[in-house]
Protein backbone atom coordinates (compact mmCIF):
# COMPACT_ATOMS: atom_id res chain seq x y z
CA MET A 1 -72.03 -7.63 43.18
CA LYS A 2 -72.62 -6.76 47.12
CA GLN A 3 -68.63 -4.92 47.40
CA ALA A 4 -68.86 -2.48 43.65
CA ILE A 5 -72.47 -1.53 45.83
CA ALA A 6 -70.82 -1.29 49.31
CA TRP A 7 -67.78 0.26 47.78
CA ARG A 8 -69.59 3.02 45.40
CA PRO A 9 -71.06 5.47 48.59
CA ARG A 10 -67.24 5.30 49.84
CA ARG A 11 -65.61 6.41 46.61
CA PHE A 12 -68.45 9.23 46.01
CA THR A 13 -67.59 10.47 49.62
CA ARG A 14 -64.08 10.49 48.77
CA GLY A 15 -64.74 12.87 45.91
CA LEU A 16 -67.20 14.60 47.53
CA TYR A 17 -65.49 15.49 50.75
CA ALA A 18 -62.19 16.65 48.34
CA HIS A 19 -64.13 19.12 46.92
CA PHE A 20 -65.02 20.50 49.95
CA LEU A 21 -61.14 20.92 50.68
CA CYS A 22 -61.07 22.27 47.16
CA GLY A 23 -63.26 24.55 47.41
CA VAL A 24 -62.47 26.07 50.96
CA LEU A 25 -58.73 25.87 50.84
CA MET A 26 -58.22 27.23 47.46
CA PRO A 27 -59.05 31.26 47.74
CA PHE A 28 -56.33 30.20 51.27
CA VAL A 29 -53.88 28.99 47.94
CA CYS A 30 -54.16 31.38 45.68
CA ALA A 31 -55.04 34.02 47.16
CA ALA A 32 -52.93 36.61 45.37
CA SER A 33 -50.76 39.11 47.38
CA PRO A 34 -52.51 42.35 47.84
CA GLU A 35 -51.17 45.58 46.06
CA SER A 36 -49.56 48.26 47.19
CA LYS A 37 -48.84 51.22 44.92
CA LEU A 38 -45.70 53.40 46.81
CA THR A 39 -46.46 57.42 47.32
CA THR A 40 -43.66 59.88 46.29
CA ALA A 41 -42.23 59.12 49.88
CA GLN A 42 -42.44 55.63 49.91
CA ILE A 43 -40.32 55.57 46.53
CA ARG A 44 -37.79 57.70 48.63
CA SER A 45 -37.87 55.07 51.63
CA THR A 46 -37.74 52.46 49.31
CA VAL A 47 -35.34 52.68 47.14
CA GLY A 48 -32.51 55.55 47.82
CA GLY A 49 -29.53 53.86 48.77
CA HIS A 50 -31.21 50.29 47.79
CA HIS A 51 -30.02 48.02 44.97
CA VAL A 52 -33.11 46.84 43.13
CA SER A 53 -32.75 43.77 40.78
CA ASP A 54 -34.43 41.11 39.16
CA GLY A 55 -30.86 38.95 40.47
CA ARG A 56 -30.10 37.90 36.15
CA HIS A 57 -30.79 40.09 33.93
CA TRP A 58 -30.47 43.98 35.46
CA GLY A 59 -29.32 45.55 38.85
CA HIS A 60 -30.36 49.21 40.03
CA ASP A 61 -28.22 51.05 42.36
CA TYR A 62 -30.05 54.36 44.17
CA PHE A 63 -28.58 56.24 45.33
CA LEU A 64 -29.42 58.61 48.75
CA ASP A 65 -28.09 62.03 46.16
CA GLY A 66 -29.72 61.59 43.33
CA ARG A 67 -27.32 59.17 41.79
CA LEU A 68 -28.57 56.19 39.42
CA GLU A 69 -26.09 52.87 38.42
CA ARG A 70 -28.05 50.96 35.86
CA SER A 71 -25.92 47.16 35.03
CA GLU A 72 -28.36 45.75 32.28
CA ASN A 73 -27.88 42.78 30.03
CA GLY A 74 -24.01 43.45 30.72
CA ARG A 75 -24.15 46.73 30.37
CA THR A 76 -23.05 49.51 33.49
CA ARG A 77 -24.89 52.93 32.56
CA SER A 78 -24.98 56.01 34.83
CA GLY A 79 -28.22 57.94 35.43
CA ARG A 80 -30.34 60.60 38.17
CA TRP A 81 -33.51 59.20 39.77
CA THR A 82 -35.76 61.58 41.55
CA ALA A 83 -39.48 61.03 43.12
CA GLN A 84 -42.07 62.84 41.98
CA ASN A 85 -45.70 62.84 41.68
CA ASN A 86 -45.36 59.38 43.34
CA GLN A 87 -44.41 58.22 40.60
CA LEU A 88 -40.45 57.09 40.17
CA CYS A 89 -38.14 59.15 37.61
CA LEU A 90 -35.22 58.01 36.04
CA LEU A 91 -33.17 60.04 33.73
CA LEU A 92 -31.74 58.46 31.62
CA PRO A 93 -29.12 60.04 29.33
CA GLU A 94 -29.07 57.25 25.80
CA VAL A 95 -33.30 58.06 26.63
CA SER A 96 -33.01 62.55 26.63
CA LYS A 97 -30.85 63.75 28.51
CA GLU A 98 -33.68 66.56 29.73
CA SER A 99 -37.20 64.33 29.82
CA PRO A 100 -36.65 61.61 32.78
CA VAL A 101 -39.00 58.33 32.06
CA CYS A 102 -41.95 58.22 34.77
CA PHE A 103 -42.19 54.64 36.16
CA ASP A 104 -45.54 53.51 39.12
CA VAL A 105 -43.89 51.69 41.43
CA VAL A 106 -46.30 48.69 43.55
CA ARG A 107 -45.46 46.28 46.00
CA VAL A 108 -46.59 43.10 45.01
CA GLY A 109 -46.10 40.89 48.01
CA ASP A 110 -42.09 40.93 48.06
CA GLU A 111 -41.13 41.97 44.72
CA LEU A 112 -41.32 45.82 42.95
CA GLN A 113 -43.02 46.52 40.20
CA TYR A 114 -41.46 49.75 37.96
CA ARG A 115 -45.20 49.79 35.70
CA ASP A 116 -45.61 52.31 32.64
CA ALA A 117 -49.88 52.86 32.26
CA GLY A 118 -50.28 49.49 34.20
CA ARG A 119 -47.62 47.16 32.55
CA VAL A 120 -45.21 45.66 34.56
CA VAL A 121 -41.86 46.86 33.17
CA TYR A 122 -38.92 46.16 35.40
CA ALA A 123 -39.87 43.33 39.06
CA GLY A 124 -37.62 42.39 41.33
CA ALA A 125 -36.46 42.37 44.61
CA VAL A 126 -35.08 45.16 47.13
CA LYS A 127 -31.87 45.10 49.31
CA LYS A 128 -29.79 47.28 50.92
CA ARG A 129 -26.98 48.73 49.17
CA THR A 130 -23.79 47.42 50.51
CA THR A 131 -20.56 49.93 50.26
CA ARG A 132 -17.36 48.29 49.02
CA LEU A 133 -16.10 49.52 52.29
CA GLN A 134 -19.19 47.39 54.00
CA GLU A 135 -17.67 44.47 51.62
CA GLY A 136 -14.68 43.99 53.12
CA ARG A 137 -13.06 45.22 49.63
CA LEU A 138 -10.94 49.15 49.14
């Protein structure tokens, strides 16, 4: 009987200690990566000359001259891109030859998100675009 009484306070103390640690450490562990909406100049420097991709379903190559090469779900298409009014605008011929589709661009940690009315449309990583000559191919 004495063992059971002596064991309970230690069990309570351990549980209290665990709850204290979780309460103190949890905000640091669960803290969300800060979000930053990119300006027009930041969009140009972030995507211009780079490849943005989720690594699986889609990839966009942004050329400095405004050309865009997209690979989405196995299909390759061309288009044009610009940055204006703090948005990335894509002119996609299969959607419209005159009106671009524009997105807010938000950096969340290492990820770049394209958002339309707050909804994430694309999310992927940015990599320096390599030319075929740089890759050792002709």
